[in-house]
């Protein structure tokens, strides 16, 4: 594992613990000599983790669509900044550059990016680990939803186990480092049609 992709909010959120977690994760990445791949912004938790990782001496690679650069939210002090044409290109490049994925607290964009990467693993398109940094229980309702999806047989237990979770950055990075890929079959059962 050399590069960890972090999905997170372009806002700070209301709890100071979110910003503290972004700072701690950036510092933890650098201590482990891991680079950060992220969305390239200089605002919210995105800017916080990028600045913390850079300040601790690690490489930071940003990937941002050109329409966001035009709104002047691109971070200009990164090790590398890739400007792409679309959100789809952004996610593809971030996935290609990364060996693991983490979601800090965030909104729709964070959840969409995380769930797409999760779906790619479920479909067998990659075997990279990913986890939720569950700061102050922020992702507990989402984890409960995943458990409900298992109960309702929309998700297999093996697929549910793809999501690693910890409340502290160091613990989550340990889980990512020790992850053993699984051969996951997406479908619960294949229906037979006449």
N, C-alpha and C. Protein backbone atom coordinates (compact mmCIF):
# COMPACT_ATOMS: atom_id res chain seq x y z
N UNK A 1 0.85 -1.17 0.00
CA UNK A 1 0.00 0.00 0.00
C UNK A 1 0.89 1.24 0.00
N UNK A 2 0.73 2.09 -1.03
CA UNK A 2 1.52 3.30 -1.14
C UNK A 2 0.68 4.57 -1.12
N UNK A 3 -0.52 4.50 -1.71
CA UNK A 3 -1.39 5.66 -1.79
C UNK A 3 -2.78 5.30 -1.29
N UNK A 4 -3.33 6.17 -0.44
CA UNK A 4 -4.67 5.99 0.08
C UNK A 4 -5.53 7.13 -0.44
N UNK A 5 -6.64 6.76 -1.07
CA UNK A 5 -7.60 7.74 -1.55
C UNK A 5 -8.56 8.06 -0.41
N UNK A 6 -8.77 9.34 -0.16
CA UNK A 6 -9.71 9.75 0.88
C UNK A 6 -10.82 10.58 0.25
N UNK A 7 -12.05 10.12 0.46
CA UNK A 7 -13.24 10.87 0.07
C UNK A 7 -13.73 11.60 1.31
N UNK A 8 -14.06 12.88 1.17
CA UNK A 8 -14.51 13.64 2.34
C UNK A 8 -15.22 14.90 1.91
N UNK A 9 -15.81 15.57 2.89
CA UNK A 9 -16.62 16.74 2.62
C UNK A 9 -15.85 17.97 2.18
N UNK A 10 -16.50 18.78 1.38
CA UNK A 10 -15.97 20.09 1.01
C UNK A 10 -16.42 21.13 2.04
N UNK A 11 -17.05 20.65 3.10
CA UNK A 11 -17.44 21.45 4.26
C UNK A 11 -16.71 20.89 5.48
N UNK A 12 -16.67 21.64 6.55
CA UNK A 12 -16.05 21.18 7.79
C UNK A 12 -17.03 20.39 8.66
N UNK A 13 -18.35 20.55 8.42
CA UNK A 13 -19.33 19.96 9.32
C UNK A 13 -19.40 20.76 10.61
N UNK A 14 -20.33 20.39 11.49
CA UNK A 14 -20.54 21.19 12.69
C UNK A 14 -19.68 20.75 13.87
N UNK A 15 -19.21 19.52 13.87
CA UNK A 15 -18.44 19.03 15.01
C UNK A 15 -16.94 19.21 14.78
N UNK A 16 -16.23 19.83 15.71
CA UNK A 16 -14.78 19.98 15.58
C UNK A 16 -14.06 18.64 15.41
N UNK A 17 -14.67 17.56 15.86
CA UNK A 17 -14.06 16.24 15.75
C UNK A 17 -13.82 15.84 14.29
N UNK A 18 -14.62 16.34 13.37
CA UNK A 18 -14.43 16.00 11.96
C UNK A 18 -13.12 16.57 11.43
N UNK A 19 -12.88 17.86 11.73
CA UNK A 19 -11.63 18.48 11.31
C UNK A 19 -10.44 17.82 12.01
N UNK A 20 -10.59 17.51 13.29
CA UNK A 20 -9.52 16.85 14.03
C UNK A 20 -9.20 15.48 13.41
N UNK A 21 -10.23 14.77 12.97
CA UNK A 21 -10.01 13.46 12.35
C UNK A 21 -9.28 13.60 11.02
N UNK A 22 -9.62 14.63 10.24
CA UNK A 22 -8.93 14.87 8.97
C UNK A 22 -7.46 15.19 9.21
N UNK A 23 -7.19 16.03 10.22
CA UNK A 23 -5.80 16.34 10.57
C UNK A 23 -5.06 15.07 11.01
N UNK A 24 -5.69 14.30 11.88
CA UNK A 24 -5.05 13.08 12.41
C UNK A 24 -4.81 12.06 11.31
N UNK A 25 -5.74 11.93 10.38
CA UNK A 25 -5.56 10.97 9.28
C UNK A 25 -4.42 11.41 8.37
N UNK A 26 -4.34 12.70 8.06
CA UNK A 26 -3.24 13.20 7.24
C UNK A 26 -1.89 12.94 7.88
N UNK A 27 -1.80 13.19 9.17
CA UNK A 27 -0.55 12.95 9.90
C UNK A 27 -0.22 11.46 9.97
N UNK A 28 -1.25 10.63 10.15
CA UNK A 28 -1.04 9.18 10.22
C UNK A 28 -0.56 8.63 8.87
N UNK A 29 -1.11 9.15 7.79
CA UNK A 29 -0.65 8.73 6.46
C UNK A 29 0.84 9.02 6.31
N UNK A 30 1.24 10.24 6.68
CA UNK A 30 2.64 10.63 6.53
C UNK A 30 3.55 9.79 7.41
N UNK A 31 3.13 9.51 8.65
CA UNK A 31 3.95 8.67 9.54
C UNK A 31 4.21 7.30 8.92
N UNK A 32 3.25 6.80 8.18
CA UNK A 32 3.37 5.48 7.56
C UNK A 32 3.98 5.57 6.16
N UNK A 33 4.39 6.77 5.78
CA UNK A 33 4.99 7.01 4.46
C UNK A 33 4.02 6.63 3.33
N UNK A 34 2.76 6.99 3.54
CA UNK A 34 1.72 6.77 2.55
C UNK A 34 1.34 8.11 1.93
N UNK A 35 1.12 8.11 0.63
CA UNK A 35 0.65 9.31 -0.04
C UNK A 35 -0.86 9.39 -0.02
N UNK A 36 -1.36 10.61 -0.17
CA UNK A 36 -2.80 10.87 -0.21
C UNK A 36 -3.23 11.15 -1.64
N UNK A 37 -4.33 10.52 -2.04
CA UNK A 37 -5.02 10.86 -3.28
C UNK A 37 -6.39 11.36 -2.85
N UNK A 38 -6.80 12.50 -3.38
CA UNK A 38 -8.10 13.06 -2.98
C UNK A 38 -8.62 13.96 -4.09
N UNK A 39 -9.74 14.61 -3.84
CA UNK A 39 -10.44 15.36 -4.87
C UNK A 39 -9.87 16.69 -5.30
N UNK A 40 -8.74 17.10 -4.74
CA UNK A 40 -8.04 18.28 -5.25
C UNK A 40 -8.51 19.62 -4.74
N UNK A 41 -9.48 19.66 -3.84
CA UNK A 41 -10.00 20.93 -3.35
C UNK A 41 -9.20 21.50 -2.19
N UNK A 42 -9.41 22.81 -1.96
CA UNK A 42 -8.73 23.47 -0.84
C UNK A 42 -9.71 23.92 0.23
N UNK A 43 -10.92 23.37 0.20
CA UNK A 43 -11.97 23.79 1.15
C UNK A 43 -12.40 22.60 2.01
N UNK A 44 -12.97 22.91 3.16
CA UNK A 44 -13.55 21.90 4.03
C UNK A 44 -12.56 20.86 4.49
N UNK A 45 -13.07 19.65 4.73
CA UNK A 45 -12.21 18.55 5.17
C UNK A 45 -11.20 18.18 4.09
N UNK A 46 -11.55 18.43 2.82
CA UNK A 46 -10.62 18.16 1.72
C UNK A 46 -9.34 18.97 1.89
N UNK A 47 -9.49 20.26 2.08
CA UNK A 47 -8.32 21.11 2.26
C UNK A 47 -7.57 20.78 3.54
N UNK A 48 -8.30 20.43 4.58
CA UNK A 48 -7.68 20.11 5.87
C UNK A 48 -6.77 18.89 5.76
N UNK A 49 -7.27 17.81 5.16
CA UNK A 49 -6.44 16.60 5.08
C UNK A 49 -5.27 16.80 4.14
N UNK A 50 -5.49 17.55 3.05
CA UNK A 50 -4.37 17.81 2.13
C UNK A 50 -3.28 18.60 2.83
N UNK A 51 -3.64 19.67 3.53
CA UNK A 51 -2.66 20.51 4.22
C UNK A 51 -1.94 19.72 5.31
N UNK A 52 -2.69 18.91 6.06
CA UNK A 52 -2.08 18.13 7.15
C UNK A 52 -1.09 17.11 6.61
N UNK A 53 -1.44 16.47 5.51
CA UNK A 53 -0.57 15.46 4.92
C UNK A 53 0.69 16.11 4.36
N UNK A 54 0.54 17.23 3.67
CA UNK A 54 1.69 17.96 3.13
C UNK A 54 2.59 18.46 4.25
N UNK A 55 2.00 19.04 5.29
CA UNK A 55 2.78 19.58 6.41
C UNK A 55 3.58 18.50 7.12
N UNK A 56 3.06 17.26 7.09
CA UNK A 56 3.76 16.15 7.74
C UNK A 56 4.78 15.50 6.82
N UNK A 57 4.91 16.02 5.59
CA UNK A 57 5.97 15.57 4.70
C UNK A 57 5.62 14.50 3.70
N UNK A 58 4.34 14.22 3.49
CA UNK A 58 3.95 13.17 2.54
C UNK A 58 3.44 13.78 1.24
N UNK A 59 3.40 12.96 0.23
CA UNK A 59 2.94 13.36 -1.09
C UNK A 59 1.42 13.44 -1.12
N UNK A 60 0.89 14.45 -1.82
CA UNK A 60 -0.54 14.62 -1.99
C UNK A 60 -0.86 14.82 -3.46
N UNK A 61 -1.71 13.96 -3.99
CA UNK A 61 -2.13 14.03 -5.38
C UNK A 61 -3.61 14.39 -5.42
N UNK A 62 -3.93 15.46 -6.08
CA UNK A 62 -5.33 15.87 -6.24
C UNK A 62 -5.81 15.60 -7.65
N UNK A 63 -7.09 15.27 -7.75
CA UNK A 63 -7.74 15.05 -9.05
C UNK A 63 -9.03 15.86 -9.03
N UNK A 64 -9.13 16.83 -9.93
CA UNK A 64 -10.28 17.74 -9.88
C UNK A 64 -10.80 18.01 -11.30
N UNK A 65 -12.11 18.05 -11.47
CA UNK A 65 -12.67 18.40 -12.78
C UNK A 65 -12.44 19.87 -13.10
N UNK A 66 -12.31 20.17 -14.39
CA UNK A 66 -12.00 21.54 -14.79
C UNK A 66 -13.04 22.55 -14.35
N UNK A 67 -14.32 22.15 -14.28
CA UNK A 67 -15.34 23.12 -13.87
C UNK A 67 -15.18 23.54 -12.41
N UNK A 68 -14.54 22.70 -11.60
CA UNK A 68 -14.28 23.09 -10.20
C UNK A 68 -13.07 24.00 -10.10
N UNK A 69 -12.10 23.81 -10.97
CA UNK A 69 -10.94 24.70 -11.00
C UNK A 69 -11.41 26.12 -11.30
N UNK A 70 -12.35 26.23 -12.24
CA UNK A 70 -12.88 27.53 -12.63
C UNK A 70 -13.55 28.25 -11.47
N UNK A 71 -14.04 27.51 -10.50
CA UNK A 71 -14.67 28.13 -9.32
C UNK A 71 -13.64 28.46 -8.25
N UNK A 72 -12.36 28.29 -8.59
CA UNK A 72 -11.24 28.66 -7.73
C UNK A 72 -11.21 27.88 -6.41
N UNK A 73 -11.55 26.58 -6.47
CA UNK A 73 -11.44 25.79 -5.26
C UNK A 73 -10.32 24.74 -5.36
N UNK A 74 -9.56 24.77 -6.46
CA UNK A 74 -8.45 23.83 -6.59
C UNK A 74 -7.32 24.22 -5.65
N UNK A 75 -6.74 23.21 -5.03
CA UNK A 75 -5.60 23.42 -4.12
C UNK A 75 -4.35 23.59 -4.99
N UNK A 76 -3.66 24.70 -4.84
CA UNK A 76 -2.53 24.99 -5.73
C UNK A 76 -1.18 24.57 -5.15
N UNK A 77 -1.16 24.02 -3.93
CA UNK A 77 0.11 23.67 -3.31
C UNK A 77 0.39 22.18 -3.22
N UNK A 78 -0.24 21.38 -4.07
CA UNK A 78 -0.12 19.93 -3.99
C UNK A 78 1.14 19.42 -4.68
N UNK A 79 1.50 18.19 -4.38
CA UNK A 79 2.61 17.54 -5.07
C UNK A 79 2.27 17.40 -6.54
N UNK A 80 1.05 16.97 -6.83
CA UNK A 80 0.54 16.86 -8.20
C UNK A 80 -0.94 17.24 -8.19
N UNK A 81 -1.38 17.94 -9.23
CA UNK A 81 -2.80 18.23 -9.40
C UNK A 81 -3.17 17.84 -10.83
N UNK A 82 -4.06 16.86 -10.94
CA UNK A 82 -4.56 16.42 -12.25
C UNK A 82 -5.90 17.09 -12.50
N UNK A 83 -6.01 17.77 -13.62
CA UNK A 83 -7.26 18.40 -14.01
C UNK A 83 -7.89 17.55 -15.10
N UNK A 84 -9.11 17.08 -14.84
CA UNK A 84 -9.81 16.17 -15.75
C UNK A 84 -11.07 16.83 -16.27
N UNK A 85 -11.73 16.17 -17.22
CA UNK A 85 -12.90 16.77 -17.87
C UNK A 85 -14.23 16.51 -17.19
N UNK A 86 -14.31 15.47 -16.34
CA UNK A 86 -15.61 15.13 -15.76
C UNK A 86 -15.44 14.44 -14.40
N UNK A 87 -16.54 14.34 -13.70
CA UNK A 87 -16.55 13.62 -12.42
C UNK A 87 -16.22 12.14 -12.64
N UNK A 88 -16.67 11.59 -13.76
CA UNK A 88 -16.39 10.18 -14.06
C UNK A 88 -14.88 9.96 -14.23
N UNK A 89 -14.24 10.85 -14.97
CA UNK A 89 -12.78 10.75 -15.14
C UNK A 89 -12.07 10.91 -13.80
N UNK A 90 -12.59 11.79 -12.97
CA UNK A 90 -11.99 12.01 -11.65
C UNK A 90 -11.99 10.72 -10.84
N UNK A 91 -13.14 10.07 -10.74
CA UNK A 91 -13.23 8.84 -9.95
C UNK A 91 -12.36 7.74 -10.53
N UNK A 92 -12.33 7.64 -11.84
CA UNK A 92 -11.51 6.61 -12.49
C UNK A 92 -10.04 6.82 -12.18
N UNK A 93 -9.57 8.06 -12.32
CA UNK A 93 -8.16 8.34 -12.06
C UNK A 93 -7.82 8.13 -10.58
N UNK A 94 -8.69 8.58 -9.69
CA UNK A 94 -8.45 8.39 -8.26
C UNK A 94 -8.35 6.90 -7.93
N UNK A 95 -9.20 6.10 -8.53
CA UNK A 95 -9.17 4.65 -8.29
C UNK A 95 -7.88 4.04 -8.83
N UNK A 96 -7.45 4.49 -10.00
CA UNK A 96 -6.23 3.95 -10.60
C UNK A 96 -4.99 4.31 -9.80
N UNK A 97 -4.96 5.49 -9.21
CA UNK A 97 -3.79 5.96 -8.46
C UNK A 97 -3.70 5.39 -7.05
N UNK A 98 -4.78 4.79 -6.56
CA UNK A 98 -4.88 4.43 -5.15
C UNK A 98 -4.80 2.92 -4.91
N UNK A 99 -4.29 2.59 -3.71
CA UNK A 99 -4.20 1.21 -3.27
C UNK A 99 -5.24 0.87 -2.22
N UNK A 100 -5.89 1.89 -1.66
CA UNK A 100 -6.91 1.71 -0.63
C UNK A 100 -7.76 2.97 -0.60
N UNK A 101 -8.93 2.87 0.03
CA UNK A 101 -9.89 3.98 0.05
C UNK A 101 -10.44 4.18 1.46
N UNK A 102 -10.65 5.45 1.82
CA UNK A 102 -11.22 5.81 3.12
C UNK A 102 -12.25 6.90 2.88
N UNK A 103 -13.35 6.85 3.63
CA UNK A 103 -14.31 7.95 3.63
C UNK A 103 -14.32 8.58 5.02
N UNK A 104 -13.99 9.86 5.05
CA UNK A 104 -14.21 10.71 6.21
C UNK A 104 -15.66 11.21 6.12
N UNK A 105 -16.17 11.88 7.14
CA UNK A 105 -17.51 12.45 7.00
C UNK A 105 -17.63 13.36 5.78
N UNK A 106 -18.80 13.33 5.18
CA UNK A 106 -19.10 14.13 4.01
C UNK A 106 -20.55 13.97 3.63
N UNK A 107 -20.92 14.55 2.51
CA UNK A 107 -22.31 14.52 2.07
C UNK A 107 -22.53 13.60 0.87
N UNK A 108 -23.39 14.03 -0.03
CA UNK A 108 -23.75 13.22 -1.19
C UNK A 108 -22.54 12.77 -2.00
N UNK A 109 -21.64 13.71 -2.29
CA UNK A 109 -20.48 13.38 -3.11
C UNK A 109 -19.60 12.32 -2.48
N UNK A 110 -19.35 12.46 -1.19
CA UNK A 110 -18.53 11.49 -0.46
C UNK A 110 -19.19 10.11 -0.49
N UNK A 111 -20.48 10.09 -0.22
CA UNK A 111 -21.21 8.82 -0.19
C UNK A 111 -21.25 8.19 -1.58
N UNK A 112 -21.46 9.00 -2.60
CA UNK A 112 -21.52 8.48 -3.97
C UNK A 112 -20.19 7.90 -4.39
N UNK A 113 -19.10 8.60 -4.11
CA UNK A 113 -17.78 8.12 -4.49
C UNK A 113 -17.44 6.82 -3.75
N UNK A 114 -17.71 6.81 -2.46
CA UNK A 114 -17.42 5.62 -1.66
C UNK A 114 -18.24 4.42 -2.14
N UNK A 115 -19.53 4.64 -2.36
CA UNK A 115 -20.40 3.53 -2.78
C UNK A 115 -20.06 3.04 -4.18
N UNK A 116 -19.60 3.91 -5.05
CA UNK A 116 -19.21 3.45 -6.38
C UNK A 116 -17.98 2.55 -6.30
N UNK A 117 -16.99 2.95 -5.52
CA UNK A 117 -15.79 2.13 -5.35
C UNK A 117 -16.16 0.80 -4.69
N UNK A 118 -17.07 0.85 -3.73
CA UNK A 118 -17.55 -0.36 -3.07
C UNK A 118 -18.25 -1.28 -4.06
N UNK A 119 -19.06 -0.72 -4.92
CA UNK A 119 -19.76 -1.50 -5.94
C UNK A 119 -18.77 -2.12 -6.92
N UNK A 120 -17.73 -1.39 -7.28
CA UNK A 120 -16.71 -1.95 -8.18
C UNK A 120 -16.06 -3.18 -7.55
N UNK A 121 -15.83 -3.13 -6.24
CA UNK A 121 -15.25 -4.31 -5.56
C UNK A 121 -16.25 -5.46 -5.57
N UNK A 122 -17.50 -5.16 -5.30
CA UNK A 122 -18.54 -6.19 -5.29
C UNK A 122 -18.64 -6.86 -6.66
N UNK A 123 -18.42 -6.10 -7.70
CA UNK A 123 -18.48 -6.63 -9.07
C UNK A 123 -17.17 -7.30 -9.49
N UNK A 124 -16.17 -7.26 -8.64
CA UNK A 124 -14.89 -7.90 -8.94
C UNK A 124 -13.97 -7.08 -9.80
N UNK A 125 -14.22 -5.77 -9.91
CA UNK A 125 -13.38 -4.91 -10.74
C UNK A 125 -12.07 -4.51 -10.06
N UNK A 126 -12.02 -4.64 -8.73
CA UNK A 126 -10.78 -4.44 -7.99
C UNK A 126 -10.87 -5.20 -6.67
N UNK A 127 -9.74 -5.34 -6.02
CA UNK A 127 -9.70 -6.02 -4.71
C UNK A 127 -8.98 -5.16 -3.68
N UNK A 128 -9.15 -3.86 -3.79
CA UNK A 128 -8.50 -2.93 -2.88
C UNK A 128 -9.38 -2.71 -1.65
N UNK A 129 -8.75 -2.53 -0.49
CA UNK A 129 -9.54 -2.34 0.73
C UNK A 129 -10.11 -0.93 0.84
N UNK A 130 -11.21 -0.83 1.57
CA UNK A 130 -11.78 0.49 1.83
C UNK A 130 -12.53 0.48 3.14
N UNK A 131 -12.52 1.63 3.78
CA UNK A 131 -13.14 1.72 5.09
C UNK A 131 -13.73 3.07 5.37
N UNK A 132 -14.56 3.09 6.37
CA UNK A 132 -15.19 4.30 6.85
C UNK A 132 -14.52 4.74 8.14
N UNK A 133 -14.09 6.00 8.20
CA UNK A 133 -13.61 6.56 9.45
C UNK A 133 -14.84 7.11 10.17
N UNK A 134 -15.33 6.32 11.10
CA UNK A 134 -16.63 6.57 11.73
C UNK A 134 -16.46 7.53 12.92
N UNK A 135 -16.21 8.78 12.59
CA UNK A 135 -15.94 9.82 13.59
C UNK A 135 -17.23 10.14 14.35
N UNK A 136 -17.19 9.98 15.67
CA UNK A 136 -18.35 10.26 16.52
C UNK A 136 -19.62 9.57 16.04
N UNK A 137 -19.48 8.39 15.45
CA UNK A 137 -20.64 7.63 14.99
C UNK A 137 -21.30 8.16 13.74
N UNK A 138 -20.60 9.04 13.00
CA UNK A 138 -21.20 9.66 11.82
C UNK A 138 -21.75 8.63 10.84
N UNK A 139 -21.02 7.54 10.63
CA UNK A 139 -21.44 6.53 9.65
C UNK A 139 -22.22 5.37 10.27
N UNK A 140 -22.54 5.43 11.54
CA UNK A 140 -23.29 4.33 12.16
C UNK A 140 -24.64 4.08 11.49
N UNK A 141 -25.42 5.11 11.12
CA UNK A 141 -26.67 4.83 10.40
C UNK A 141 -26.45 4.14 9.05
N UNK A 142 -25.38 4.50 8.35
CA UNK A 142 -25.08 3.85 7.08
C UNK A 142 -24.70 2.39 7.29
N UNK A 143 -23.91 2.12 8.31
CA UNK A 143 -23.54 0.74 8.62
C UNK A 143 -24.76 -0.08 9.01
N UNK A 144 -25.69 0.55 9.72
CA UNK A 144 -26.94 -0.12 10.08
C UNK A 144 -27.75 -0.44 8.82
N UNK A 145 -27.75 0.50 7.87
CA UNK A 145 -28.42 0.26 6.59
C UNK A 145 -27.81 -0.94 5.86
N UNK A 146 -26.47 -1.01 5.83
CA UNK A 146 -25.81 -2.15 5.19
C UNK A 146 -26.23 -3.46 5.87
N UNK A 147 -26.33 -3.45 7.20
CA UNK A 147 -26.76 -4.65 7.92
C UNK A 147 -28.20 -5.01 7.56
N UNK A 148 -29.05 -3.99 7.42
CA UNK A 148 -30.44 -4.23 7.02
C UNK A 148 -30.51 -4.81 5.61
N UNK A 149 -29.63 -4.34 4.73
CA UNK A 149 -29.60 -4.88 3.36
C UNK A 149 -29.23 -6.36 3.36
N UNK A 150 -28.39 -6.77 4.32
CA UNK A 150 -28.07 -8.20 4.46
C UNK A 150 -29.31 -8.95 4.94
N UNK A 151 -29.96 -8.43 5.97
CA UNK A 151 -31.17 -9.07 6.51
C UNK A 151 -32.23 -9.25 5.44
N UNK A 152 -32.39 -8.24 4.59
CA UNK A 152 -33.40 -8.27 3.53
C UNK A 152 -32.93 -8.98 2.26
N UNK A 153 -31.72 -9.53 2.30
CA UNK A 153 -31.12 -10.28 1.20
C UNK A 153 -30.94 -9.47 -0.09
N UNK A 154 -30.60 -8.19 0.10
CA UNK A 154 -30.14 -7.38 -1.03
C UNK A 154 -28.62 -7.32 -1.06
N UNK A 155 -28.00 -7.82 0.00
CA UNK A 155 -26.55 -7.80 0.15
C UNK A 155 -26.12 -9.07 0.86
N UNK A 156 -25.11 -9.73 0.33
CA UNK A 156 -24.59 -10.94 0.96
C UNK A 156 -23.66 -10.55 2.12
N UNK A 157 -23.60 -11.38 3.16
CA UNK A 157 -22.68 -11.08 4.27
C UNK A 157 -21.24 -10.88 3.81
N UNK A 158 -20.81 -11.62 2.81
CA UNK A 158 -19.45 -11.46 2.29
C UNK A 158 -19.26 -10.06 1.70
N UNK A 159 -20.29 -9.56 1.01
CA UNK A 159 -20.21 -8.20 0.46
C UNK A 159 -20.22 -7.17 1.58
N UNK A 160 -21.00 -7.41 2.61
CA UNK A 160 -21.05 -6.49 3.76
C UNK A 160 -19.68 -6.41 4.43
N UNK A 161 -18.98 -7.53 4.47
CA UNK A 161 -17.68 -7.55 5.15
C UNK A 161 -16.60 -6.79 4.39
N UNK A 162 -16.90 -6.35 3.17
CA UNK A 162 -15.95 -5.54 2.42
C UNK A 162 -15.69 -4.19 3.09
N UNK A 163 -16.68 -3.68 3.83
CA UNK A 163 -16.57 -2.35 4.44
C UNK A 163 -15.90 -2.46 5.79
N UNK A 164 -14.69 -1.93 5.88
CA UNK A 164 -13.96 -1.87 7.14
C UNK A 164 -14.39 -0.60 7.87
N UNK A 165 -14.28 -0.60 9.18
CA UNK A 165 -14.75 0.56 9.94
C UNK A 165 -13.96 0.69 11.22
N UNK A 166 -13.58 1.94 11.54
CA UNK A 166 -12.92 2.24 12.80
C UNK A 166 -13.19 3.71 13.11
N UNK A 167 -13.05 4.06 14.39
CA UNK A 167 -13.29 5.44 14.79
C UNK A 167 -12.00 6.25 14.90
N UNK A 168 -10.85 5.58 14.83
CA UNK A 168 -9.56 6.25 14.92
C UNK A 168 -8.74 5.99 13.66
N UNK A 169 -8.05 7.00 13.13
CA UNK A 169 -7.28 6.83 11.89
C UNK A 169 -6.27 5.69 11.93
N UNK A 170 -5.49 5.59 13.01
CA UNK A 170 -4.46 4.55 13.07
C UNK A 170 -5.09 3.15 13.01
N UNK A 171 -6.21 2.98 13.71
CA UNK A 171 -6.88 1.68 13.68
C UNK A 171 -7.39 1.34 12.29
N UNK A 172 -7.94 2.33 11.60
CA UNK A 172 -8.45 2.08 10.25
C UNK A 172 -7.31 1.77 9.29
N UNK A 173 -6.20 2.48 9.40
CA UNK A 173 -5.04 2.20 8.54
C UNK A 173 -4.49 0.81 8.81
N UNK A 174 -4.53 0.35 10.05
CA UNK A 174 -4.12 -1.03 10.35
C UNK A 174 -5.03 -2.03 9.65
N UNK A 175 -6.33 -1.77 9.69
CA UNK A 175 -7.28 -2.67 9.02
C UNK A 175 -7.03 -2.71 7.51
N UNK A 176 -6.78 -1.55 6.92
CA UNK A 176 -6.49 -1.50 5.48
C UNK A 176 -5.22 -2.26 5.16
N UNK A 177 -4.19 -2.08 5.97
CA UNK A 177 -2.89 -2.72 5.72
C UNK A 177 -2.98 -4.24 5.84
N UNK A 178 -3.85 -4.73 6.71
CA UNK A 178 -3.97 -6.17 6.94
C UNK A 178 -5.08 -6.83 6.14
N UNK A 179 -5.72 -6.08 5.26
CA UNK A 179 -6.85 -6.59 4.49
C UNK A 179 -6.43 -7.74 3.57
N UNK A 180 -7.22 -8.79 3.57
CA UNK A 180 -7.01 -9.92 2.67
C UNK A 180 -8.15 -9.93 1.66
N UNK A 181 -7.84 -9.74 0.36
CA UNK A 181 -8.90 -9.71 -0.65
C UNK A 181 -9.72 -11.00 -0.66
N UNK A 182 -10.99 -10.85 -0.98
CA UNK A 182 -11.90 -11.97 -1.07
C UNK A 182 -12.37 -12.12 -2.51
N UNK A 183 -12.72 -13.32 -2.86
CA UNK A 183 -13.39 -13.55 -4.14
C UNK A 183 -14.88 -13.40 -3.87
N UNK A 184 -15.43 -12.26 -4.24
CA UNK A 184 -16.80 -11.93 -3.89
C UNK A 184 -17.71 -12.09 -5.10
N UNK A 185 -18.77 -12.85 -4.91
CA UNK A 185 -19.80 -12.98 -5.94
C UNK A 185 -20.92 -12.01 -5.58
N UNK A 186 -21.27 -11.13 -6.49
CA UNK A 186 -22.26 -10.10 -6.21
C UNK A 186 -23.63 -10.66 -5.91
N UNK A 187 -24.06 -11.66 -6.65
CA UNK A 187 -25.45 -12.05 -6.63
C UNK A 187 -25.77 -12.98 -5.47
N UNK A 188 -26.88 -12.72 -4.81
CA UNK A 188 -27.34 -13.56 -3.72
C UNK A 188 -27.83 -14.89 -4.28
N UNK A 189 -28.69 -14.81 -5.27
CA UNK A 189 -29.11 -16.03 -5.97
C UNK A 189 -29.51 -15.63 -7.38
N UNK A 190 -29.21 -16.50 -8.29
CA UNK A 190 -29.56 -16.24 -9.68
C UNK A 190 -30.94 -16.82 -9.94
N UNK A 191 -31.86 -15.95 -10.28
CA UNK A 191 -33.21 -16.39 -10.54
C UNK A 191 -33.30 -17.14 -11.86
N UNK A 192 -34.07 -18.17 -11.86
CA UNK A 192 -34.27 -18.96 -13.08
C UNK A 192 -35.54 -18.47 -13.74
N UNK A 193 -35.43 -18.10 -15.01
CA UNK A 193 -36.60 -17.65 -15.74
C UNK A 193 -36.97 -18.68 -16.79
N UNK A 194 -38.28 -18.84 -17.07
CA UNK A 194 -38.70 -19.85 -18.05
C UNK A 194 -38.22 -19.53 -19.45
